[in-house]
Amino acid sequence: MTGVDPLVDRIIEIALLVTDLDLNIIDEKGFEKVITVDKEYIPRMETKVIEMHTQNGLLEESLRSTESLDQVQEQAVNYLSNYVEDGKSPLCGDGVTTDRAFLLTQARTLNSFFHHRTIDVSSFKQLTNFYKPDKKYIKPDVSHRALDDIRISIAELRYYKGLLFD
């Protein structure tokens, strides 16, 4: 995303990984696509976001991409339909409430494929910090690329699953 406001900022990358209930990744390659962004849009982005996406290569990739958000969300739904039933899977991730807001405003087709329930890893993080502060999860450095972030979120959720439910 080019920022955190779904009414102003844009989705420029979509990535997906599907897991089973034990959080084993079903398809390690996953789904990862970069969405085109107009060069004229860049000055609207916050400096911090421009720096982050320049450093991780996403800004350059999105300037070169020829795929629209509509094309990518259609491909994403096709990918998901190989593994899960329409409307059955919750949207999962770390801080995924923001992702849901972007999907609701910009990628409604993809959003409607997910169940209305959301599993936000950051909720487990907050609860662990409140009730078991000595058990904090130490997150590795992140690239701020969607697929890498998902892998880290899965690892973090595995940690909380082991800590709280196993």
N, C-alpha and C. Protein backbone atom coordinates (compact mmCIF):
# COMPACT_ATOMS: atom_id res chain seq x y z
N MET A 1 0.84 -1.17 0.00
CA MET A 1 0.00 0.00 0.00
C MET A 1 0.89 1.24 0.00
N THR A 2 0.34 2.30 -0.51
CA THR A 2 1.11 3.54 -0.58
C THR A 2 0.94 4.38 0.68
N GLY A 3 0.22 3.88 1.65
CA GLY A 3 -0.04 4.56 2.91
C GLY A 3 -1.07 3.77 3.69
N VAL A 4 -1.71 4.40 4.66
CA VAL A 4 -2.65 3.67 5.51
C VAL A 4 -4.10 4.15 5.39
N ASP A 5 -4.37 5.08 4.50
CA ASP A 5 -5.73 5.59 4.32
C ASP A 5 -6.34 5.00 3.06
N PRO A 6 -7.30 4.09 3.21
CA PRO A 6 -7.86 3.43 2.02
C PRO A 6 -8.67 4.35 1.12
N LEU A 7 -8.99 5.54 1.59
CA LEU A 7 -9.72 6.49 0.75
C LEU A 7 -8.78 7.35 -0.09
N VAL A 8 -7.50 7.37 0.27
CA VAL A 8 -6.52 8.20 -0.43
C VAL A 8 -5.42 7.36 -1.05
N ASP A 9 -4.92 6.40 -0.29
CA ASP A 9 -3.78 5.60 -0.71
C ASP A 9 -4.22 4.42 -1.57
N ARG A 10 -3.25 3.72 -2.14
CA ARG A 10 -3.56 2.66 -3.10
C ARG A 10 -2.90 1.34 -2.75
N ILE A 11 -3.55 0.28 -3.16
CA ILE A 11 -2.98 -1.07 -3.08
C ILE A 11 -2.01 -1.19 -4.26
N ILE A 12 -0.75 -1.53 -3.97
CA ILE A 12 0.21 -1.71 -5.07
C ILE A 12 0.83 -3.11 -5.07
N GLU A 13 0.41 -3.94 -4.13
CA GLU A 13 0.91 -5.32 -4.10
C GLU A 13 -0.12 -6.19 -3.40
N ILE A 14 -0.35 -7.36 -3.96
CA ILE A 14 -1.22 -8.35 -3.31
C ILE A 14 -0.45 -9.66 -3.25
N ALA A 15 -0.42 -10.24 -2.06
CA ALA A 15 0.21 -11.55 -1.87
C ALA A 15 -0.70 -12.40 -1.00
N LEU A 16 -0.64 -13.69 -1.23
CA LEU A 16 -1.48 -14.64 -0.49
C LEU A 16 -0.70 -15.91 -0.20
N LEU A 17 -0.92 -16.45 0.98
CA LEU A 17 -0.48 -17.79 1.32
C LEU A 17 -1.66 -18.48 1.98
N VAL A 18 -1.84 -19.74 1.67
CA VAL A 18 -2.92 -20.53 2.25
C VAL A 18 -2.28 -21.53 3.21
N THR A 19 -2.86 -21.64 4.41
CA THR A 19 -2.37 -22.61 5.39
C THR A 19 -3.48 -23.56 5.79
N ASP A 20 -3.06 -24.66 6.41
CA ASP A 20 -4.05 -25.53 7.05
C ASP A 20 -4.24 -25.03 8.48
N LEU A 21 -5.03 -25.74 9.27
CA LEU A 21 -5.30 -25.29 10.64
C LEU A 21 -4.09 -25.36 11.56
N ASP A 22 -3.08 -26.15 11.17
CA ASP A 22 -1.84 -26.20 11.95
C ASP A 22 -0.83 -25.17 11.48
N LEU A 23 -1.26 -24.29 10.59
CA LEU A 23 -0.46 -23.20 10.04
C LEU A 23 0.69 -23.69 9.16
N ASN A 24 0.52 -24.87 8.57
CA ASN A 24 1.45 -25.33 7.54
C ASN A 24 1.05 -24.67 6.23
N ILE A 25 2.02 -24.13 5.53
CA ILE A 25 1.74 -23.46 4.26
C ILE A 25 1.49 -24.52 3.20
N ILE A 26 0.37 -24.41 2.51
CA ILE A 26 -0.03 -25.42 1.52
C ILE A 26 0.75 -25.28 0.22
N ASP A 27 0.97 -24.06 -0.23
CA ASP A 27 1.71 -23.79 -1.47
C ASP A 27 2.80 -22.76 -1.13
N GLU A 28 4.03 -23.24 -0.99
CA GLU A 28 5.14 -22.38 -0.55
C GLU A 28 5.37 -21.19 -1.48
N LYS A 29 5.11 -21.36 -2.76
CA LYS A 29 5.32 -20.25 -3.70
C LYS A 29 4.32 -19.13 -3.44
N GLY A 30 3.09 -19.51 -3.12
CA GLY A 30 2.07 -18.52 -2.84
C GLY A 30 1.67 -17.73 -4.07
N PHE A 31 1.03 -16.62 -3.82
CA PHE A 31 0.57 -15.70 -4.87
C PHE A 31 1.16 -14.34 -4.55
N GLU A 32 1.78 -13.72 -5.54
CA GLU A 32 2.39 -12.41 -5.33
C GLU A 32 2.37 -11.63 -6.64
N LYS A 33 1.72 -10.48 -6.62
CA LYS A 33 1.62 -9.64 -7.82
C LYS A 33 1.78 -8.18 -7.43
N VAL A 34 2.45 -7.44 -8.29
CA VAL A 34 2.62 -6.00 -8.11
C VAL A 34 1.68 -5.28 -9.06
N ILE A 35 1.04 -4.26 -8.56
CA ILE A 35 0.03 -3.51 -9.31
C ILE A 35 0.62 -2.19 -9.79
N THR A 36 0.24 -1.82 -10.98
CA THR A 36 0.77 -0.59 -11.57
C THR A 36 0.36 0.65 -10.77
N VAL A 37 1.25 1.62 -10.72
CA VAL A 37 0.95 2.91 -10.12
C VAL A 37 1.46 3.98 -11.08
N ASP A 38 0.68 5.03 -11.27
CA ASP A 38 1.10 6.14 -12.13
C ASP A 38 2.19 6.95 -11.45
N LYS A 39 3.16 7.37 -12.25
CA LYS A 39 4.26 8.18 -11.73
C LYS A 39 3.73 9.46 -11.07
N GLU A 40 2.63 9.98 -11.60
CA GLU A 40 2.04 11.22 -11.07
C GLU A 40 1.52 11.04 -9.64
N TYR A 41 1.28 9.81 -9.24
CA TYR A 41 0.74 9.55 -7.91
C TYR A 41 1.81 9.64 -6.82
N ILE A 42 3.05 9.41 -7.17
CA ILE A 42 4.14 9.30 -6.18
C ILE A 42 4.26 10.54 -5.28
N PRO A 43 4.16 11.76 -5.80
CA PRO A 43 4.28 12.92 -4.90
C PRO A 43 3.22 12.96 -3.79
N ARG A 44 2.13 12.26 -3.95
CA ARG A 44 1.09 12.21 -2.91
C ARG A 44 1.47 11.29 -1.75
N MET A 45 2.44 10.41 -1.99
CA MET A 45 2.84 9.44 -0.97
C MET A 45 3.68 10.13 0.10
N GLU A 46 3.58 9.63 1.33
CA GLU A 46 4.42 10.14 2.41
C GLU A 46 5.87 9.79 2.13
N THR A 47 6.78 10.67 2.54
CA THR A 47 8.21 10.46 2.31
C THR A 47 8.67 9.13 2.87
N LYS A 48 8.20 8.79 4.06
CA LYS A 48 8.60 7.52 4.71
C LYS A 48 8.21 6.32 3.84
N VAL A 49 7.03 6.37 3.24
CA VAL A 49 6.56 5.27 2.39
C VAL A 49 7.37 5.20 1.10
N ILE A 50 7.67 6.36 0.52
CA ILE A 50 8.50 6.39 -0.70
C ILE A 50 9.86 5.77 -0.40
N GLU A 51 10.46 6.16 0.72
CA GLU A 51 11.78 5.61 1.09
C GLU A 51 11.71 4.10 1.30
N MET A 52 10.69 3.64 2.02
CA MET A 52 10.54 2.21 2.31
C MET A 52 10.39 1.41 1.01
N HIS A 53 9.49 1.87 0.14
CA HIS A 53 9.21 1.12 -1.09
C HIS A 53 10.29 1.31 -2.16
N THR A 54 11.11 2.34 -2.02
CA THR A 54 12.29 2.47 -2.89
C THR A 54 13.33 1.46 -2.43
N GLN A 55 13.55 1.40 -1.12
CA GLN A 55 14.55 0.48 -0.57
C GLN A 55 14.21 -0.98 -0.85
N ASN A 56 12.94 -1.36 -0.75
CA ASN A 56 12.59 -2.77 -0.96
C ASN A 56 12.27 -3.10 -2.42
N GLY A 57 12.33 -2.10 -3.30
CA GLY A 57 12.14 -2.34 -4.73
C GLY A 57 10.70 -2.29 -5.21
N LEU A 58 9.75 -2.17 -4.30
CA LEU A 58 8.35 -2.22 -4.69
C LEU A 58 7.94 -1.02 -5.54
N LEU A 59 8.45 0.15 -5.24
CA LEU A 59 8.07 1.33 -6.01
C LEU A 59 8.49 1.19 -7.47
N GLU A 60 9.71 0.77 -7.69
CA GLU A 60 10.19 0.57 -9.07
C GLU A 60 9.38 -0.52 -9.78
N GLU A 61 9.10 -1.61 -9.08
CA GLU A 61 8.31 -2.68 -9.69
C GLU A 61 6.90 -2.21 -10.04
N SER A 62 6.31 -1.39 -9.18
CA SER A 62 4.95 -0.92 -9.45
C SER A 62 4.92 0.08 -10.61
N LEU A 63 5.99 0.83 -10.78
CA LEU A 63 6.08 1.74 -11.93
C LEU A 63 6.22 0.96 -13.24
N ARG A 64 6.88 -0.20 -13.18
CA ARG A 64 7.06 -1.04 -14.38
C ARG A 64 5.88 -1.97 -14.64
N SER A 65 5.10 -2.25 -13.62
CA SER A 65 3.99 -3.20 -13.76
C SER A 65 2.95 -2.70 -14.75
N THR A 66 2.36 -3.65 -15.45
CA THR A 66 1.27 -3.31 -16.38
C THR A 66 -0.06 -3.88 -15.90
N GLU A 67 -0.06 -4.49 -14.72
CA GLU A 67 -1.27 -5.15 -14.23
C GLU A 67 -2.08 -4.21 -13.34
N SER A 68 -3.36 -4.11 -13.64
CA SER A 68 -4.27 -3.27 -12.86
C SER A 68 -4.72 -4.02 -11.60
N LEU A 69 -5.28 -3.28 -10.67
CA LEU A 69 -5.83 -3.89 -9.47
C LEU A 69 -6.94 -4.87 -9.82
N ASP A 70 -7.79 -4.52 -10.77
CA ASP A 70 -8.86 -5.43 -11.18
C ASP A 70 -8.30 -6.75 -11.70
N GLN A 71 -7.26 -6.68 -12.53
CA GLN A 71 -6.65 -7.90 -13.06
C GLN A 71 -6.06 -8.74 -11.94
N VAL A 72 -5.34 -8.10 -11.04
CA VAL A 72 -4.66 -8.83 -9.97
C VAL A 72 -5.66 -9.43 -8.99
N GLN A 73 -6.71 -8.72 -8.65
CA GLN A 73 -7.67 -9.31 -7.72
C GLN A 73 -8.40 -10.49 -8.35
N GLU A 74 -8.64 -10.44 -9.65
CA GLU A 74 -9.24 -11.60 -10.33
C GLU A 74 -8.29 -12.80 -10.28
N GLN A 75 -7.01 -12.57 -10.52
CA GLN A 75 -6.01 -13.64 -10.43
C GLN A 75 -5.92 -14.18 -9.00
N ALA A 76 -6.02 -13.29 -8.02
CA ALA A 76 -5.95 -13.70 -6.62
C ALA A 76 -7.13 -14.60 -6.25
N VAL A 77 -8.31 -14.23 -6.69
CA VAL A 77 -9.50 -15.06 -6.43
C VAL A 77 -9.35 -16.42 -7.10
N ASN A 78 -8.84 -16.44 -8.33
CA ASN A 78 -8.61 -17.72 -9.02
C ASN A 78 -7.61 -18.58 -8.25
N TYR A 79 -6.55 -17.96 -7.75
CA TYR A 79 -5.55 -18.69 -6.96
C TYR A 79 -6.20 -19.27 -5.70
N LEU A 80 -6.91 -18.44 -4.95
CA LEU A 80 -7.53 -18.91 -3.71
C LEU A 80 -8.53 -20.03 -3.95
N SER A 81 -9.27 -19.94 -5.05
CA SER A 81 -10.31 -20.94 -5.31
C SER A 81 -9.74 -22.33 -5.57
N ASN A 82 -8.43 -22.43 -5.80
CA ASN A 82 -7.78 -23.74 -5.90
C ASN A 82 -7.64 -24.41 -4.54
N TYR A 83 -7.74 -23.64 -3.47
CA TYR A 83 -7.45 -24.17 -2.13
C TYR A 83 -8.60 -24.04 -1.14
N VAL A 84 -9.40 -23.01 -1.28
CA VAL A 84 -10.46 -22.78 -0.30
C VAL A 84 -11.76 -22.44 -1.02
N GLU A 85 -12.84 -22.69 -0.30
CA GLU A 85 -14.17 -22.42 -0.84
C GLU A 85 -14.51 -20.93 -0.67
N ASP A 86 -15.16 -20.38 -1.65
CA ASP A 86 -15.58 -18.98 -1.62
C ASP A 86 -16.37 -18.67 -0.35
N GLY A 87 -15.94 -17.63 0.37
CA GLY A 87 -16.65 -17.20 1.56
C GLY A 87 -16.35 -17.96 2.83
N LYS A 88 -15.45 -18.93 2.79
CA LYS A 88 -15.19 -19.78 3.95
C LYS A 88 -13.94 -19.37 4.75
N SER A 89 -12.95 -18.82 4.10
CA SER A 89 -11.68 -18.54 4.78
C SER A 89 -11.66 -17.13 5.36
N PRO A 90 -11.27 -17.00 6.64
CA PRO A 90 -11.10 -15.65 7.18
C PRO A 90 -9.85 -15.01 6.58
N LEU A 91 -9.84 -13.71 6.54
CA LEU A 91 -8.64 -12.96 6.17
C LEU A 91 -7.74 -12.95 7.39
N CYS A 92 -6.48 -13.34 7.22
CA CYS A 92 -5.55 -13.46 8.35
C CYS A 92 -4.29 -12.67 8.07
N GLY A 93 -3.67 -12.14 9.12
CA GLY A 93 -2.40 -11.45 8.98
C GLY A 93 -2.14 -10.56 10.18
N ASP A 94 -1.04 -9.84 10.14
CA ASP A 94 -0.65 -8.93 11.21
C ASP A 94 -1.07 -7.52 10.82
N GLY A 95 -1.96 -6.93 11.60
CA GLY A 95 -2.49 -5.62 11.25
C GLY A 95 -3.43 -5.69 10.06
N VAL A 96 -4.03 -6.84 9.88
CA VAL A 96 -4.84 -7.12 8.70
C VAL A 96 -6.15 -6.33 8.68
N THR A 97 -6.49 -5.69 9.76
CA THR A 97 -7.67 -4.84 9.77
C THR A 97 -7.50 -3.70 8.76
N THR A 98 -6.30 -3.19 8.64
CA THR A 98 -6.01 -2.17 7.63
C THR A 98 -6.16 -2.76 6.23
N ASP A 99 -5.65 -3.97 6.04
CA ASP A 99 -5.79 -4.63 4.74
C ASP A 99 -7.26 -4.79 4.37
N ARG A 100 -8.07 -5.17 5.35
CA ARG A 100 -9.50 -5.36 5.11
C ARG A 100 -10.14 -4.04 4.65
N ALA A 101 -9.76 -2.94 5.29
CA ALA A 101 -10.31 -1.64 4.90
C ALA A 101 -9.96 -1.30 3.44
N PHE A 102 -8.74 -1.62 3.03
CA PHE A 102 -8.34 -1.38 1.64
C PHE A 102 -9.12 -2.29 0.69
N LEU A 103 -9.30 -3.55 1.08
CA LEU A 103 -10.06 -4.46 0.23
C LEU A 103 -11.51 -4.00 0.09
N LEU A 104 -12.09 -3.54 1.18
CA LEU A 104 -13.48 -3.07 1.15
C LEU A 104 -13.67 -1.87 0.22
N THR A 105 -12.68 -1.00 0.16
CA THR A 105 -12.83 0.20 -0.65
C THR A 105 -12.29 0.06 -2.07
N GLN A 106 -11.29 -0.82 -2.27
CA GLN A 106 -10.62 -0.85 -3.57
C GLN A 106 -10.65 -2.20 -4.27
N ALA A 107 -10.86 -3.27 -3.55
CA ALA A 107 -10.79 -4.62 -4.14
C ALA A 107 -11.94 -5.47 -3.60
N ARG A 108 -13.14 -5.03 -3.89
CA ARG A 108 -14.33 -5.68 -3.32
C ARG A 108 -14.50 -7.13 -3.78
N THR A 109 -14.08 -7.44 -5.00
CA THR A 109 -14.19 -8.82 -5.49
C THR A 109 -13.35 -9.75 -4.63
N LEU A 110 -12.12 -9.36 -4.38
CA LEU A 110 -11.24 -10.18 -3.54
C LEU A 110 -11.77 -10.21 -2.10
N ASN A 111 -12.18 -9.07 -1.59
CA ASN A 111 -12.71 -9.03 -0.23
C ASN A 111 -13.89 -9.98 -0.06
N SER A 112 -14.78 -10.01 -1.04
CA SER A 112 -15.98 -10.85 -0.91
C SER A 112 -15.66 -12.34 -0.97
N PHE A 113 -14.47 -12.71 -1.44
CA PHE A 113 -14.08 -14.11 -1.44
C PHE A 113 -13.81 -14.61 -0.02
N PHE A 114 -13.34 -13.70 0.85
CA PHE A 114 -13.04 -14.07 2.23
C PHE A 114 -14.30 -14.08 3.08
N HIS A 115 -14.27 -14.87 4.14
CA HIS A 115 -15.32 -14.84 5.16
C HIS A 115 -15.30 -13.45 5.81
N HIS A 116 -16.39 -13.05 6.42
CA HIS A 116 -16.42 -11.73 7.06
C HIS A 116 -15.55 -11.68 8.33
N ARG A 117 -15.22 -12.82 8.89
CA ARG A 117 -14.36 -12.84 10.08
C ARG A 117 -12.91 -12.61 9.69
N THR A 118 -12.17 -12.02 10.62
CA THR A 118 -10.77 -11.68 10.41
C THR A 118 -9.95 -12.21 11.58
N ILE A 119 -8.78 -12.75 11.29
CA ILE A 119 -7.85 -13.16 12.35
C ILE A 119 -6.65 -12.22 12.25
N ASP A 120 -6.54 -11.33 13.23
CA ASP A 120 -5.47 -10.34 13.23
C ASP A 120 -4.41 -10.75 14.25
N VAL A 121 -3.24 -11.08 13.77
CA VAL A 121 -2.15 -11.54 14.63
C VAL A 121 -1.79 -10.48 15.67
N SER A 122 -1.98 -9.22 15.33
CA SER A 122 -1.64 -8.15 16.28
C SER A 122 -2.50 -8.22 17.54
N SER A 123 -3.68 -8.81 17.46
CA SER A 123 -4.50 -8.99 18.67
C SER A 123 -3.84 -9.97 19.63
N PHE A 124 -3.30 -11.06 19.10
CA PHE A 124 -2.57 -12.02 19.93
C PHE A 124 -1.33 -11.36 20.54
N LYS A 125 -0.67 -10.54 19.73
CA LYS A 125 0.52 -9.83 20.21
C LYS A 125 0.16 -8.93 21.39
N GLN A 126 -0.91 -8.16 21.25
CA GLN A 126 -1.33 -7.26 22.32
C GLN A 126 -1.70 -8.03 23.59
N LEU A 127 -2.47 -9.09 23.44
CA LEU A 127 -2.88 -9.87 24.60
C LEU A 127 -1.69 -10.51 25.29
N THR A 128 -0.74 -11.01 24.52
CA THR A 128 0.46 -11.60 25.11
C THR A 128 1.27 -10.52 25.83
N ASN A 129 1.39 -9.35 25.24
CA ASN A 129 2.11 -8.26 25.89
C ASN A 129 1.44 -7.85 27.21
N PHE A 130 0.11 -7.90 27.26
CA PHE A 130 -0.61 -7.55 28.48
C PHE A 130 -0.47 -8.62 29.55
N TYR A 131 -0.69 -9.88 29.17
CA TYR A 131 -0.84 -10.95 30.15
C TYR A 131 0.39 -11.83 30.33
N LYS A 132 1.27 -11.83 29.37
CA LYS A 132 2.50 -12.62 29.48
C LYS A 132 3.66 -11.81 28.91
N PRO A 133 3.97 -10.66 29.50
CA PRO A 133 4.98 -9.77 28.91
C PRO A 133 6.37 -10.39 28.79
N ASP A 134 6.63 -11.42 29.57
CA ASP A 134 7.92 -12.11 29.47
C ASP A 134 7.97 -13.05 28.27
N LYS A 135 6.88 -13.20 27.55
CA LYS A 135 6.80 -14.12 26.41
C LYS A 135 6.64 -13.38 25.08
N LYS A 136 7.08 -12.14 25.03
CA LYS A 136 6.94 -11.36 23.80
C LYS A 136 7.60 -12.06 22.63
N TYR A 137 6.96 -11.95 21.49
CA TYR A 137 7.52 -12.48 20.24
C TYR A 137 8.50 -11.45 19.69
N ILE A 138 9.68 -11.90 19.36
CA ILE A 138 10.68 -11.01 18.77
C ILE A 138 10.60 -11.16 17.26
N LYS A 139 10.08 -10.13 16.62
CA LYS A 139 9.87 -10.16 15.18
C LYS A 139 11.19 -9.87 14.46
N PRO A 140 11.51 -10.66 13.43
CA PRO A 140 12.73 -10.38 12.66
C PRO A 140 12.56 -9.10 11.84
N ASP A 141 13.67 -8.61 11.31
CA ASP A 141 13.59 -7.46 10.41
C ASP A 141 12.68 -7.81 9.25
N VAL A 142 11.93 -6.83 8.80
CA VAL A 142 10.98 -7.07 7.72
C VAL A 142 11.33 -6.25 6.49
N SER A 143 10.99 -6.80 5.34
CA SER A 143 11.26 -6.12 4.07
C SER A 143 10.12 -5.19 3.68
N HIS A 144 9.00 -5.33 4.36
CA HIS A 144 7.77 -4.61 4.00
C HIS A 144 7.32 -4.95 2.59
N ARG A 145 7.57 -6.20 2.20
CA ARG A 145 6.98 -6.76 0.99
C ARG A 145 5.91 -7.73 1.45
N ALA A 146 4.82 -7.78 0.71
CA ALA A 146 3.62 -8.49 1.17
C ALA A 146 3.87 -9.97 1.48
N LEU A 147 4.52 -10.70 0.59
CA LEU A 147 4.70 -12.13 0.82
C LEU A 147 5.61 -12.38 2.01
N ASP A 148 6.68 -11.61 2.14
CA ASP A 148 7.56 -11.74 3.31
C ASP A 148 6.80 -11.44 4.60
N ASP A 149 5.99 -10.39 4.57
CA ASP A 149 5.21 -10.03 5.76
C ASP A 149 4.25 -11.16 6.15
N ILE A 150 3.65 -11.81 5.16
CA ILE A 150 2.73 -12.92 5.45
C ILE A 150 3.49 -14.07 6.10
N ARG A 151 4.65 -14.41 5.56
CA ARG A 151 5.44 -15.50 6.14
C ARG A 151 5.80 -15.20 7.60
N ILE A 152 6.17 -13.96 7.87
CA ILE A 152 6.51 -13.56 9.24
C ILE A 152 5.26 -13.63 10.13
N SER A 153 4.12 -13.22 9.61
CA SER A 153 2.87 -13.28 10.37
C SER A 153 2.49 -14.72 10.71
N ILE A 154 2.70 -15.62 9.77
CA ILE A 154 2.40 -17.04 10.02
C ILE A 154 3.32 -17.58 11.11
N ALA A 155 4.61 -17.24 11.03
CA ALA A 155 5.55 -17.68 12.07
C ALA A 155 5.16 -17.12 13.43
N GLU A 156 4.75 -15.87 13.45
CA GLU A 156 4.33 -15.26 14.71
C GLU A 156 3.06 -15.91 15.25
N LEU A 157 2.10 -16.19 14.38
CA LEU A 157 0.87 -16.86 14.83
C LEU A 157 1.16 -18.27 15.33
N ARG A 158 2.11 -18.96 14.70
CA ARG A 158 2.53 -20.28 15.20
C ARG A 158 3.05 -20.16 16.64
N TYR A 159 3.84 -19.12 16.88
CA TYR A 159 4.39 -18.89 18.21
C TYR A 159 3.25 -18.73 19.23
N TYR A 160 2.28 -17.87 18.91
CA TYR A 160 1.16 -17.64 19.84
C TYR A 160 0.30 -18.89 19.99
N LYS A 161 0.12 -19.62 18.91
CA LYS A 161 -0.64 -20.88 18.99
C LYS A 161 0.02 -21.83 19.98
N GLY A 162 1.35 -21.97 19.87
CA GLY A 162 2.08 -22.84 20.79
C GLY A 162 2.03 -22.33 22.22
N LEU A 163 2.13 -21.04 22.38
CA LEU A 163 2.13 -20.43 23.71
C LEU A 163 0.77 -20.51 24.38
N LEU A 164 -0.28 -20.33 23.62
CA LEU A 164 -1.62 -20.19 24.21
C LEU A 164 -2.53 -21.40 24.06
N PHE A 165 -2.32 -22.22 23.03
CA PHE A 165 -3.32 -23.24 22.73
C PHE A 165 -2.80 -24.67 22.66
N ASP A 166 -1.51 -24.87 22.53
CA ASP A 166 -0.99 -26.25 22.42
C ASP A 166 -0.69 -26.82 23.79
